[in-house]
Amino acid sequence: MSDPSPLLAVRIAPAALLGLALMLAAGARAQGATGAVTGSDLADACRDRDGWADPAPPSRIFGNSWYVGTCGISVLLITSREGHVLIDGGPAAAAALVAANIERLGFRPTDVRWIVSSHEHDDHVGALAELKRLTGARVAAIRAAAASLSTGKPAANDPQRAVVHDFAPIAIDRILSDGDRLHLGPIDLTVRSTPAHSPGSASWTWTSCETRCRKIAYADSATAISGDAYRFTDHPDRVAGVRAGLSRIGRLPCDILVTPHPGASELFARMGGRAPLGDRNACRHYAEAAGARFAARLAEERDPAGR
């Protein structure tokens, strides 16, 4: 049989060829694998480097969920043909790094439609005002975090207020309540208020698919830490908030756990195949370990001598 491609080439109009080329290019951007490194390469690049602004290459976590942050701070990009969602931004110095990683994957920063965050501390949201400017995206936040994000100052009742820094104020476009969902095309994120680490802490869950679908949980930091002079036992409202936050984190749907500090969940080792990427009990174990540390903190505050 003769090769039909010459005849086919003659019959396709130039406009159709252009349309086909644009469709293929759009498909390539949707897959976004052009500049991604393997999880193993990401782990190697960040070996012995966990600075908040230490550059890291972008890598696929699973399906349409990508790591675009730094060696020390997670920033996630969830992609679709209808636009993308960015979770967290890192410190102010990381804004350009995050934007460059999005581009390196083959996506356009201006296709980011929504930006959301984990908690209202400068190491995670310091870059958001600049990323909002660069992308033109809208920002959604839970009510407990909105005032802090919009003023650029830690909340008055934040135990870490004395040790965290102010950040550029972020204009909030949508206020979310606990359990609300954020939709963008096929992307469907659910937010949970999980006030263990800060009063405005939020955790996010969504589904990503490859040959199968898995629920990803971006569980917020679970450590209950504070300035040196702060005593949790003097603030029963914060004790209750920490316990409620940990309980909610432990119940998140959680095939794959990701945390704002990648080292807190050994994310790079798991992405690199040095440990299982998924564990349906990961969020429960993460919360239980944090709960044990918090119980020890409370016990020490009540009896510093350990009697």
C-alpha atoms as a PDB file:
ATOM      1  CA  MET A   1       0.000   0.000   0.000  1.00  0.00           C
ATOM      2  CA  SER A   2       1.327   3.416  -0.926  1.00  0.00           C
ATOM      3  CA  ASP A   3       1.960   6.008   1.774  1.00  0.00           C
ATOM      4  CA  PRO A   4      -1.185   8.228   1.927  1.00  0.00           C
ATOM      5  CA  SER A   5       0.536  11.067   3.769  1.00  0.00           C
ATOM      6  CA  PRO A   6       1.309  13.186   0.624  1.00  0.00           C
ATOM      7  CA  LEU A   7      -2.378  13.193  -0.345  1.00  0.00           C
ATOM      8  CA  LEU A   8      -3.361  13.947   3.233  1.00  0.00           C
ATOM      9  CA  ALA A   9      -0.969  16.871   3.342  1.00  0.00           C
ATOM     10  CA  VAL A  10      -2.496  18.317   0.194  1.00  0.00           C
ATOM     11  CA  ARG A  11      -6.049  18.070   1.525  1.00  0.00           C
ATOM     12  CA  ILE A  12      -5.442  19.784   4.882  1.00  0.00           C
ATOM     13  CA  ALA A  13      -5.936  23.525   4.619  1.00  0.00           C
ATOM     14  CA  PRO A  14      -3.326  25.836   6.198  1.00  0.00           C
ATOM     15  CA  ALA A  15      -5.856  27.041   8.773  1.00  0.00           C
ATOM     16  CA  ALA A  16      -6.554  23.465   9.808  1.00  0.00           C
ATOM     17  CA  LEU A  17      -2.839  22.768  10.108  1.00  0.00           C
ATOM     18  CA  LEU A  18      -2.485  25.804  12.344  1.00  0.00           C
ATOM     19  CA  GLY A  19      -5.417  24.647  14.451  1.00  0.00           C
ATOM     20  CA  LEU A  20      -3.893  21.180  14.780  1.00  0.00           C
ATOM     21  CA  ALA A  21      -0.548  22.668  15.818  1.00  0.00           C
ATOM     22  CA  LEU A  22      -2.222  24.862  18.428  1.00  0.00           C
ATOM     23  CA  MET A  23      -4.189  21.887  19.742  1.00  0.00           C
ATOM     24  CA  LEU A  24      -1.036  19.807  20.099  1.00  0.00           C
ATOM     25  CA  ALA A  25       0.790  22.673  21.782  1.00  0.00           C
ATOM     26  CA  ALA A  26      -2.082  23.106  24.215  1.00  0.00           C
ATOM     27  CA  GLY A  27      -1.973  19.393  24.933  1.00  0.00           C
ATOM     28  CA  ALA A  28       1.738  19.576  25.635  1.00  0.00           C
ATOM     29  CA  ARG A  29       1.166  22.465  28.047  1.00  0.00           C
ATOM     30  CA  ALA A  30      -1.636  20.531  29.739  1.00  0.00           C
ATOM     31  CA  GLN A  31       0.656  17.568  30.310  1.00  0.00           C
ATOM     32  CA  GLY A  32       3.321  20.003  31.470  1.00  0.00           C
ATOM     33  CA  ALA A  33       6.164  17.499  31.622  1.00  0.00           C
ATOM     34  CA  THR A  34       8.626  19.491  29.524  1.00  0.00           C
ATOM     35  CA  GLY A  35      10.879  20.726  32.336  1.00  0.00           C
ATOM     36  CA  ALA A  36       9.943  18.418  35.186  1.00  0.00           C
ATOM     37  CA  VAL A  37      12.633  16.396  36.925  1.00  0.00           C
ATOM     38  CA  THR A  38      12.058  13.046  38.544  1.00  0.00           C
ATOM     39  CA  GLY A  39      11.277  12.864  42.233  1.00  0.00           C
ATOM     40  CA  SER A  40      14.677  11.255  42.737  1.00  0.00           C
ATOM     41  CA  ASP A  41      16.384  14.199  41.018  1.00  0.00           C
ATOM     42  CA  LEU A  42      14.417  16.623  43.192  1.00  0.00           C
ATOM     43  CA  ALA A  43      15.535  14.772  46.320  1.00  0.00           C
ATOM     44  CA  ASP A  44      19.142  14.847  45.131  1.00  0.00           C
ATOM     45  CA  ALA A  45      18.970  18.553  44.271  1.00  0.00           C
ATOM     46  CA  CYS A  46      17.776  19.374  47.786  1.00  0.00           C
ATOM     47  CA  ARG A  47      20.011  16.977  49.675  1.00  0.00           C
ATOM     48  CA  ASP A  48      21.407  18.840  52.724  1.00  0.00           C
ATOM     49  CA  ARG A  49      19.585  21.987  51.573  1.00  0.00           C
ATOM     50  CA  ASP A  50      16.357  23.014  53.253  1.00  0.00           C
ATOM     51  CA  GLY A  51      16.488  26.814  53.197  1.00  0.00           C
ATOM     52  CA  TRP A  52      13.181  28.526  52.620  1.00  0.00           C
ATOM     53  CA  ALA A  53      14.484  30.163  49.417  1.00  0.00           C
ATOM     54  CA  ASP A  54      16.897  27.425  48.297  1.00  0.00           C
ATOM     55  CA  PRO A  55      15.976  26.817  44.623  1.00  0.00           C
ATOM     56  CA  ALA A  56      14.483  23.438  43.784  1.00  0.00           C
ATOM     57  CA  PRO A  57      13.550  22.054  40.361  1.00  0.00           C
ATOM     58  CA  PRO A  58       9.859  21.350  39.663  1.00  0.00           C
ATOM     59  CA  SER A  59       8.592  17.786  39.754  1.00  0.00           C
ATOM     60  CA  ARG A  60       5.338  15.869  39.405  1.00  0.00           C
ATOM     61  CA  ILE A  61       3.860  14.599  42.661  1.00  0.00           C
ATOM     62  CA  PHE A  62       1.000  12.665  41.075  1.00  0.00           C
ATOM     63  CA  GLY A  63      -1.310  13.256  38.123  1.00  0.00           C
ATOM     64  CA  ASN A  64      -1.962  16.960  37.657  1.00  0.00           C
ATOM     65  CA  SER A  65      -0.330  17.917  40.976  1.00  0.00           C
ATOM     66  CA  TRP A  66       3.179  19.392  40.842  1.00  0.00           C
ATOM     67  CA  TYR A  67       5.839  20.535  43.277  1.00  0.00           C
ATOM     68  CA  VAL A  68       6.994  24.039  42.304  1.00  0.00           C
ATOM     69  CA  GLY A  69       8.409  25.237  45.629  1.00  0.00           C
ATOM     70  CA  THR A  70      11.847  25.485  47.178  1.00  0.00           C
ATOM     71  CA  CYS A  71      13.968  22.930  48.993  1.00  0.00           C
ATOM     72  CA  GLY A  72      12.524  23.992  52.338  1.00  0.00           C
ATOM     73  CA  ILE A  73       8.993  25.151  51.571  1.00  0.00           C
ATOM     74  CA  SER A  74       6.279  23.365  49.605  1.00  0.00           C
ATOM     75  CA  VAL A  75       4.397  25.189  46.868  1.00  0.00           C
ATOM     76  CA  LEU A  76       1.954  23.133  44.822  1.00  0.00           C
ATOM     77  CA  LEU A  77       0.475  23.661  41.375  1.00  0.00           C
ATOM     78  CA  ILE A  78      -2.712  21.811  40.391  1.00  0.00           C
ATOM     79  CA  THR A  79      -3.298  22.046  36.652  1.00  0.00           C
ATOM     80  CA  SER A  80      -6.136  21.764  34.178  1.00  0.00           C
ATOM     81  CA  ARG A  81      -7.025  22.993  30.698  1.00  0.00           C
ATOM     82  CA  GLU A  82      -9.371  25.529  32.331  1.00  0.00           C
ATOM     83  CA  GLY A  83      -6.571  27.022  34.438  1.00  0.00           C
ATOM     84  CA  HIS A  84      -4.530  26.200  37.501  1.00  0.00           C
ATOM     85  CA  VAL A  85      -4.572  26.530  41.285  1.00  0.00           C
ATOM     86  CA  LEU A  86      -1.485  27.448  43.321  1.00  0.00           C
ATOM     87  CA  ILE A  87      -1.232  26.456  46.979  1.00  0.00           C
ATOM     88  CA  ASP A  88       1.161  28.591  49.056  1.00  0.00           C
ATOM     89  CA  GLY A  89       3.999  30.681  47.661  1.00  0.00           C
ATOM     90  CA  GLY A  90       6.919  30.461  50.064  1.00  0.00           C
ATOM     91  CA  PRO A  91       8.735  33.501  51.467  1.00  0.00           C
ATOM     92  CA  ALA A  92       8.928  36.789  49.580  1.00  0.00           C
ATOM     93  CA  ALA A  93      12.288  35.828  48.062  1.00  0.00           C
ATOM     94  CA  ALA A  94      10.734  32.732  46.449  1.00  0.00           C
ATOM     95  CA  ALA A  95       8.168  34.471  44.227  1.00  0.00           C
ATOM     96  CA  ALA A  96      10.402  34.533  41.156  1.00  0.00           C
ATOM     97  CA  LEU A  97      11.541  30.952  41.788  1.00  0.00           C
ATOM     98  CA  VAL A  98       7.961  29.699  41.903  1.00  0.00           C
ATOM     99  CA  ALA A  99       7.003  31.586  38.730  1.00  0.00           C
ATOM    100  CA  ALA A 100      10.083  30.201  36.965  1.00  0.00           C
ATOM    101  CA  ASN A 101       9.218  26.648  38.017  1.00  0.00           C
ATOM    102  CA  ILE A 102       5.700  27.024  36.641  1.00  0.00           C
ATOM    103  CA  GLU A 103       7.148  28.167  33.325  1.00  0.00           C
ATOM    104  CA  ARG A 104       9.768  25.424  33.371  1.00  0.00           C
ATOM    105  CA  LEU A 105       6.957  22.865  33.487  1.00  0.00           C
ATOM    106  CA  GLY A 106       5.522  24.378  30.315  1.00  0.00           C
ATOM    107  CA  PHE A 107       2.661  26.235  31.978  1.00  0.00           C
ATOM    108  CA  ARG A 108       1.975  29.969  31.912  1.00  0.00           C
ATOM    109  CA  PRO A 109       1.870  31.752  35.276  1.00  0.00           C
ATOM    110  CA  THR A 110      -0.979  33.864  33.885  1.00  0.00           C
ATOM    111  CA  ASP A 111      -3.064  30.668  33.634  1.00  0.00           C
ATOM    112  CA  VAL A 112      -3.091  30.391  37.438  1.00  0.00           C
ATOM    113  CA  ARG A 113      -6.670  31.350  38.304  1.00  0.00           C
ATOM    114  CA  TRP A 114      -6.731  30.844  42.091  1.00  0.00           C
ATOM    115  CA  ILE A 115      -4.185  31.063  44.891  1.00  0.00           C
ATOM    116  CA  VAL A 116      -4.852  29.545  48.321  1.00  0.00           C
ATOM    117  CA  SER A 117      -2.669  28.997  51.368  1.00  0.00           C
ATOM    118  CA  SER A 118      -1.983  26.815  54.370  1.00  0.00           C
ATOM    119  CA  HIS A 119      -1.277  29.249  57.213  1.00  0.00           C
ATOM    120  CA  GLU A 120      -0.615  32.930  57.658  1.00  0.00           C
ATOM    121  CA  HIS A 121       3.145  32.965  58.309  1.00  0.00           C
ATOM    122  CA  ASP A 122       5.717  34.730  56.163  1.00  0.00           C
ATOM    123  CA  ASP A 123       7.602  31.578  55.177  1.00  0.00           C
ATOM    124  CA  HIS A 124       4.513  30.282  53.347  1.00  0.00           C
ATOM    125  CA  VAL A 125       2.608  33.409  52.257  1.00  0.00           C
ATOM    126  CA  GLY A 126       5.357  36.031  51.978  1.00  0.00           C
ATOM    127  CA  ALA A 127       5.413  35.612  48.175  1.00  0.00           C
ATOM    128  CA  LEU A 128       1.650  35.587  47.623  1.00  0.00           C
ATOM    129  CA  ALA A 129       1.141  39.311  46.998  1.00  0.00           C
ATOM    130  CA  GLU A 130       3.808  39.249  44.284  1.00  0.00           C
ATOM    131  CA  LEU A 131       2.531  35.972  42.822  1.00  0.00           C
ATOM    132  CA  LYS A 132      -0.973  37.442  42.713  1.00  0.00           C
ATOM    133  CA  ARG A 133       0.460  40.389  40.763  1.00  0.00           C
ATOM    134  CA  LEU A 134       2.455  38.167  38.401  1.00  0.00           C
ATOM    135  CA  THR A 135      -0.389  35.761  37.658  1.00  0.00           C
ATOM    136  CA  GLY A 136      -3.468  37.954  37.939  1.00  0.00           C
ATOM    137  CA  ALA A 137      -5.047  35.166  40.006  1.00  0.00           C
ATOM    138  CA  ARG A 138      -7.702  35.604  42.664  1.00  0.00           C
ATOM    139  CA  VAL A 139      -6.963  34.642  46.263  1.00  0.00           C
ATOM    140  CA  ALA A 140      -9.305  32.591  48.455  1.00  0.00           C
ATOM    141  CA  ALA A 141      -8.821  32.139  52.201  1.00  0.00           C
ATOM    142  CA  ILE A 142     -10.718  30.839  55.191  1.00  0.00           C
ATOM    143  CA  ARG A 143     -12.239  33.523  57.402  1.00  0.00           C
ATOM    144  CA  ALA A 144      -9.880  32.791  60.316  1.00  0.00           C
ATOM    145  CA  ALA A 145      -6.879  33.688  58.133  1.00  0.00           C
ATOM    146  CA  ALA A 146      -8.348  36.474  56.016  1.00  0.00           C
ATOM    147  CA  ALA A 147      -7.718  39.410  58.382  1.00  0.00           C
ATOM    148  CA  SER A 148      -4.083  38.418  58.908  1.00  0.00           C
ATOM    149  CA  LEU A 149      -3.467  37.846  55.197  1.00  0.00           C
ATOM    150  CA  SER A 150      -5.063  41.138  54.196  1.00  0.00           C
ATOM    151  CA  THR A 151      -3.047  43.159  56.748  1.00  0.00           C
ATOM    152  CA  GLY A 152       0.212  41.236  56.413  1.00  0.00           C
ATOM    153  CA  LYS A 153       0.478  40.753  60.165  1.00  0.00           C
ATOM    154  CA  PRO A 154       0.239  37.596  62.315  1.00  0.00           C
ATOM    155  CA  ALA A 155      -2.963  37.330  64.324  1.00  0.00           C
ATOM    156  CA  ALA A 156      -2.971  38.775  67.840  1.00  0.00           C
ATOM    157  CA  ASN A 157      -3.778  35.345  69.294  1.00  0.00           C
ATOM    158  CA  ASP A 158      -1.067  33.528  67.335  1.00  0.00           C
ATOM    159  CA  PRO A 159       1.403  31.865  69.750  1.00  0.00           C
ATOM    160  CA  GLN A 160       4.179  32.568  67.229  1.00  0.00           C
ATOM    161  CA  ARG A 161       3.438  36.263  66.840  1.00  0.00           C
ATOM    162  CA  ALA A 162       6.687  37.228  68.576  1.00  0.00           C
ATOM    163  CA  VAL A 163       8.869  35.094  66.321  1.00  0.00           C
ATOM    164  CA  VAL A 164       7.319  35.381  62.840  1.00  0.00           C
ATOM    165  CA  HIS A 165       7.592  38.391  60.553  1.00  0.00           C
ATOM    166  CA  ASP A 166       5.139  40.671  58.802  1.00  0.00           C
ATOM    167  CA  PHE A 167       4.620  40.115  55.072  1.00  0.00           C
ATOM    168  CA  ALA A 168       3.194  42.018  52.116  1.00  0.00           C
ATOM    169  CA  PRO A 169      -0.599  42.349  52.519  1.00  0.00           C
ATOM    170  CA  ILE A 170      -2.634  40.123  50.204  1.00  0.00           C
ATOM    171  CA  ALA A 171      -5.970  41.214  48.755  1.00  0.00           C
ATOM    172  CA  ILE A 172      -8.562  38.495  49.427  1.00  0.00           C
ATOM    173  CA  ASP A 173     -11.141  37.875  46.707  1.00  0.00           C
ATOM    174  CA  ARG A 174     -13.188  35.102  48.316  1.00  0.00           C
ATOM    175  CA  ILE A 175     -13.788  34.137  51.937  1.00  0.00           C
ATOM    176  CA  LEU A 176     -14.220  30.406  52.554  1.00  0.00           C
ATOM    177  CA  SER A 177     -15.808  28.554  55.442  1.00  0.00           C
ATOM    178  CA  ASP A 178     -14.746  25.216  56.843  1.00  0.00           C
ATOM    179  CA  GLY A 179     -15.713  22.479  54.387  1.00  0.00           C
ATOM    180  CA  ASP A 180     -16.194  24.802  51.402  1.00  0.00           C
ATOM    181  CA  ARG A 181     -15.131  23.665  47.947  1.00  0.00           C
ATOM    182  CA  LEU A 182     -13.224  25.591  45.299  1.00  0.00           C
ATOM    183  CA  HIS A 183     -13.949  24.514  41.714  1.00  0.00           C
ATOM    184  CA  LEU A 184     -11.956  25.251  38.580  1.00  0.00           C
ATOM    185  CA  GLY A 185     -12.900  23.044  35.654  1.00  0.00           C
ATOM    186  CA  PRO A 186     -12.141  19.467  36.796  1.00  0.00           C
ATOM    187  CA  ILE A 187     -10.222  20.721  39.863  1.00  0.00           C
ATOM    188  CA  ASP A 188     -12.292  20.351  43.034  1.00  0.00           C
ATOM    189  CA  LEU A 189     -10.566  21.352  46.283  1.00  0.00           C
ATOM    190  CA  THR A 190     -12.083  21.082  49.749  1.00  0.00           C
ATOM    191  CA  VAL A 191     -10.743  23.239  52.581  1.00  0.00           C
ATOM    192  CA  ARG A 192     -10.743  22.297  56.260  1.00  0.00           C
ATOM    193  CA  SER A 193      -9.970  24.663  59.091  1.00  0.00           C
ATOM    194  CA  THR A 194      -7.194  22.898  61.032  1.00  0.00           C
ATOM    195  CA  PRO A 195      -5.980  25.484  63.621  1.00  0.00           C
ATOM    196  CA  ALA A 196      -3.174  23.410  65.144  1.00  0.00           C
ATOM    197  CA  HIS A 197      -0.183  25.442  63.969  1.00  0.00           C
ATOM    198  CA  SER A 198      -1.832  28.860  63.780  1.00  0.00           C
ATOM    199  CA  PRO A 199      -5.341  30.235  64.303  1.00  0.00           C
ATOM    200  CA  GLY A 200      -5.889  30.476  60.527  1.00  0.00           C
ATOM    201  CA  SER A 201      -4.398  27.141  59.498  1.00  0.00           C
ATOM    202  CA  ALA A 202      -6.114  25.406  56.594  1.00  0.00           C
ATOM    203  CA  SER A 203      -5.680  21.985  54.990  1.00  0.00           C
ATOM    204  CA  TRP A 204      -6.745  21.116  51.441  1.00  0.00           C
ATOM    205  CA  THR A 205      -7.819  17.885  49.753  1.00  0.00           C
ATOM    206  CA  TRP A 206      -8.439  17.030  46.105  1.00  0.00           C
ATOM    207  CA  THR A 207      -8.276  14.133  43.671  1.00  0.00           C
ATOM    208  CA  SER A 208      -5.544  13.624  41.060  1.00  0.00           C
ATOM    209  CA  CYS A 209      -5.567  10.853  38.491  1.00  0.00           C
ATOM    210  CA  GLU A 210      -3.049   8.917  36.402  1.00  0.00           C
ATOM    211  CA  THR A 211      -3.871   5.297  35.618  1.00  0.00           C
ATOM    212  CA  ARG A 212      -5.924   5.493  38.823  1.00  0.00           C
ATOM    213  CA  CYS A 213      -7.182   8.306  41.022  1.00  0.00           C
ATOM    214  CA  ARG A 214      -5.851   9.172  44.462  1.00  0.00           C
ATOM    215  CA  LYS A 215      -6.901  11.683  47.089  1.00  0.00           C
ATOM    216  CA  ILE A 216      -4.128  14.144  47.943  1.00  0.00           C
ATOM    217  CA  ALA A 217      -4.121  15.904  51.313  1.00  0.00           C
ATOM    218  CA  TYR A 218      -2.111  19.076  51.765  1.00  0.00           C
ATOM    219  CA  ALA A 219      -2.226  18.843  55.554  1.00  0.00           C
ATOM    220  CA  ASP A 220      -1.075  22.007  57.244  1.00  0.00           C
ATOM    221  CA  SER A 221       1.801  22.109  59.708  1.00  0.00           C
ATOM    222  CA  ALA A 222       0.829  20.277  62.883  1.00  0.00           C
ATOM    223  CA  THR A 223       3.488  21.572  65.265  1.00  0.00           C
ATOM    224  CA  ALA A 224       2.206  23.644  68.181  1.00  0.00           C
ATOM    225  CA  ILE A 225       5.141  25.981  68.724  1.00  0.00           C
ATOM    226  CA  SER A 226       5.396  29.487  70.138  1.00  0.00           C
ATOM    227  CA  GLY A 227       7.552  32.371  71.244  1.00  0.00           C
ATOM    228  CA  ASP A 228       9.709  31.742  74.299  1.00  0.00           C
ATOM    229  CA  ALA A 229       7.407  33.561  76.733  1.00  0.00           C
ATOM    230  CA  TYR A 230       4.192  31.898  75.565  1.00  0.00           C
ATOM    231  CA  ARG A 231       2.506  29.188  77.636  1.00  0.00           C
ATOM    232  CA  PHE A 232      -0.276  27.213  76.013  1.00  0.00           C
ATOM    233  CA  THR A 233      -1.639  26.308  79.436  1.00  0.00           C
ATOM    234  CA  ASP A 234      -2.460  30.000  79.936  1.00  0.00           C
ATOM    235  CA  HIS A 235      -4.584  29.980  76.762  1.00  0.00           C
ATOM    236  CA  PRO A 236      -7.235  27.247  76.902  1.00  0.00           C
ATOM    237  CA  ASP A 237      -8.788  28.534  73.675  1.00  0.00           C
ATOM    238  CA  ARG A 238      -5.571  27.787  71.799  1.00  0.00           C
ATOM    239  CA  VAL A 239      -5.249  24.385  73.458  1.00  0.00           C
ATOM    240  CA  ALA A 240      -8.754  23.593  72.209  1.00  0.00           C
ATOM    241  CA  GLY A 241      -7.866  24.917  68.752  1.00  0.00           C
ATOM    242  CA  VAL A 242      -4.739  22.758  68.524  1.00  0.00           C
ATOM    243  CA  ARG A 243      -6.637  19.653  69.546  1.00  0.00           C
ATOM    244  CA  ALA A 244      -9.468  20.356  67.116  1.00  0.00           C
ATOM    245  CA  GLY A 245      -6.988  21.008  64.300  1.00  0.00           C
ATOM    246  CA  LEU A 246      -5.084  17.791  64.909  1.00  0.00           C
ATOM    247  CA  SER A 247      -8.308  15.806  65.068  1.00  0.00           C
ATOM    248  CA  ARG A 248      -9.410  17.184  61.700  1.00  0.00           C
ATOM    249  CA  ILE A 249      -6.005  16.554  60.113  1.00  0.00           C
ATOM    250  CA  GLY A 250      -6.116  12.962  61.297  1.00  0.00           C
ATOM    251  CA  ARG A 251      -9.466  12.437  59.563  1.00  0.00           C
ATOM    252  CA  LEU A 252      -8.566  13.956  56.200  1.00  0.00           C
ATOM    253  CA  PRO A 253      -8.991  11.721  53.131  1.00  0.00           C
ATOM    254  CA  CYS A 254      -5.351  11.027  52.550  1.00  0.00           C
ATOM    255  CA  ASP A 255      -4.001   8.632  49.939  1.00  0.00           C
ATOM    256  CA  ILE A 256      -0.972  10.917  49.483  1.00  0.00           C
ATOM    257  CA  LEU A 257       0.183  13.289  52.233  1.00  0.00           C
ATOM    258  CA  VAL A 258       1.949  16.574  51.420  1.00  0.00           C
ATOM    259  CA  THR A 259       2.983  19.080  54.083  1.00  0.00           C
ATOM    260  CA  PRO A 260       4.039  22.771  53.930  1.00  0.00           C
ATOM    261  CA  HIS A 261       7.553  21.817  55.006  1.00  0.00           C
ATOM    262  CA  PRO A 262       8.436  18.835  52.791  1.00  0.00           C
ATOM    263  CA  GLY A 263      10.753  17.367  55.398  1.00  0.00           C
ATOM    264  CA  ALA A 264       7.893  17.046  57.892  1.00  0.00           C
ATOM    265  CA  SER A 265       6.429  14.220  55.803  1.00  0.00           C
ATOM    266  CA  GLU A 266       9.594  12.994  54.026  1.00  0.00           C
ATOM    267  CA  LEU A 267       7.998  14.142  50.792  1.00  0.00           C
ATOM    268  CA  PHE A 268      11.129  14.138  48.625  1.00  0.00           C
ATOM    269  CA  ALA A 269      12.126  10.645  49.734  1.00  0.00           C
ATOM    270  CA  ARG A 270       8.647   9.405  48.869  1.00  0.00           C
ATOM    271  CA  MET A 271       8.568  11.208  45.517  1.00  0.00           C
ATOM    272  CA  GLY A 272      11.973   9.680  44.764  1.00  0.00           C
ATOM    273  CA  GLY A 273      10.787   6.128  45.450  1.00  0.00           C
ATOM    274  CA  ARG A 274      12.827   5.699  48.610  1.00  0.00           C
ATOM    275  CA  ALA A 275       9.622   5.189  50.569  1.00  0.00           C
ATOM    276  CA  PRO A 276       6.021   4.560  49.487  1.00  0.00           C
ATOM    277  CA  LEU A 277       4.465   7.696  48.003  1.00  0.00           C
ATOM    278  CA  GLY A 278       1.043   6.874  49.379  1.00  0.00           C
ATOM    279  CA  ASP A 279      -0.240   5.634  52.721  1.00  0.00           C
ATOM    280  CA  ARG A 280      -3.913   5.989  53.610  1.00  0.00           C
ATOM    281  CA  ASN A 281      -2.984   6.207  57.281  1.00  0.00           C
ATOM    282  CA  ALA A 282      -0.384   8.950  56.745  1.00  0.00           C
ATOM    283  CA  CYS A 283      -2.568  11.849  57.922  1.00  0.00           C
ATOM    284  CA  ARG A 284      -3.626   9.948  61.026  1.00  0.00           C
ATOM    285  CA  HIS A 285      -0.032   9.068  61.900  1.00  0.00           C
ATOM    286  CA  TYR A 286       1.068  12.663  61.199  1.00  0.00           C
ATOM    287  CA  ALA A 287      -1.602  14.039  63.548  1.00  0.00           C
ATOM    288  CA  GLU A 288      -0.977  11.439  66.238  1.00  0.00           C
ATOM    289  CA  ALA A 289       2.738  12.207  66.342  1.00  0.00           C
ATOM    290  CA  ALA A 290       2.004  15.928  66.630  1.00  0.00           C
ATOM    291  CA  GLY A 291      -0.551  15.235  69.337  1.00  0.00           C
ATOM    292  CA  ALA A 292       2.008  13.328  71.380  1.00  0.00           C
ATOM    293  CA  ARG A 293       4.460  16.229  71.093  1.00  0.00           C
ATOM    294  CA  PHE A 294       1.779  18.702  72.146  1.00  0.00           C
ATOM    295  CA  ALA A 295       0.818  16.583  75.149  1.00  0.00           C
ATOM    296  CA  ALA A 296       4.466  16.545  76.188  1.00  0.00           C
ATOM    297  CA  ARG A 297       4.621  20.351  75.812  1.00  0.00           C
ATOM    298  CA  LEU A 298       1.581  20.802  78.045  1.00  0.00           C
ATOM    299  CA  ALA A 299       2.967  18.402  80.636  1.00  0.00           C
ATOM    300  CA  GLU A 300       6.261  20.278  80.713  1.00  0.00           C
ATOM    301  CA  GLU A 301       4.484  23.602  81.157  1.00  0.00           C
ATOM    302  CA  ARG A 302       2.502  22.206  84.107  1.00  0.00           C
ATOM    303  CA  ASP A 303       5.538  20.659  85.734  1.00  0.00           C
ATOM    304  CA  PRO A 304       8.865  21.967  84.360  1.00  0.00           C
ATOM    305  CA  ALA A 305      10.775  19.702  86.730  1.00  0.00           C
ATOM    306  CA  GLY A 306       9.075  16.637  85.282  1.00  0.00           C
ATOM    307  CA  ARG A 307       7.883  15.349  88.635  1.00  0.00           C
END
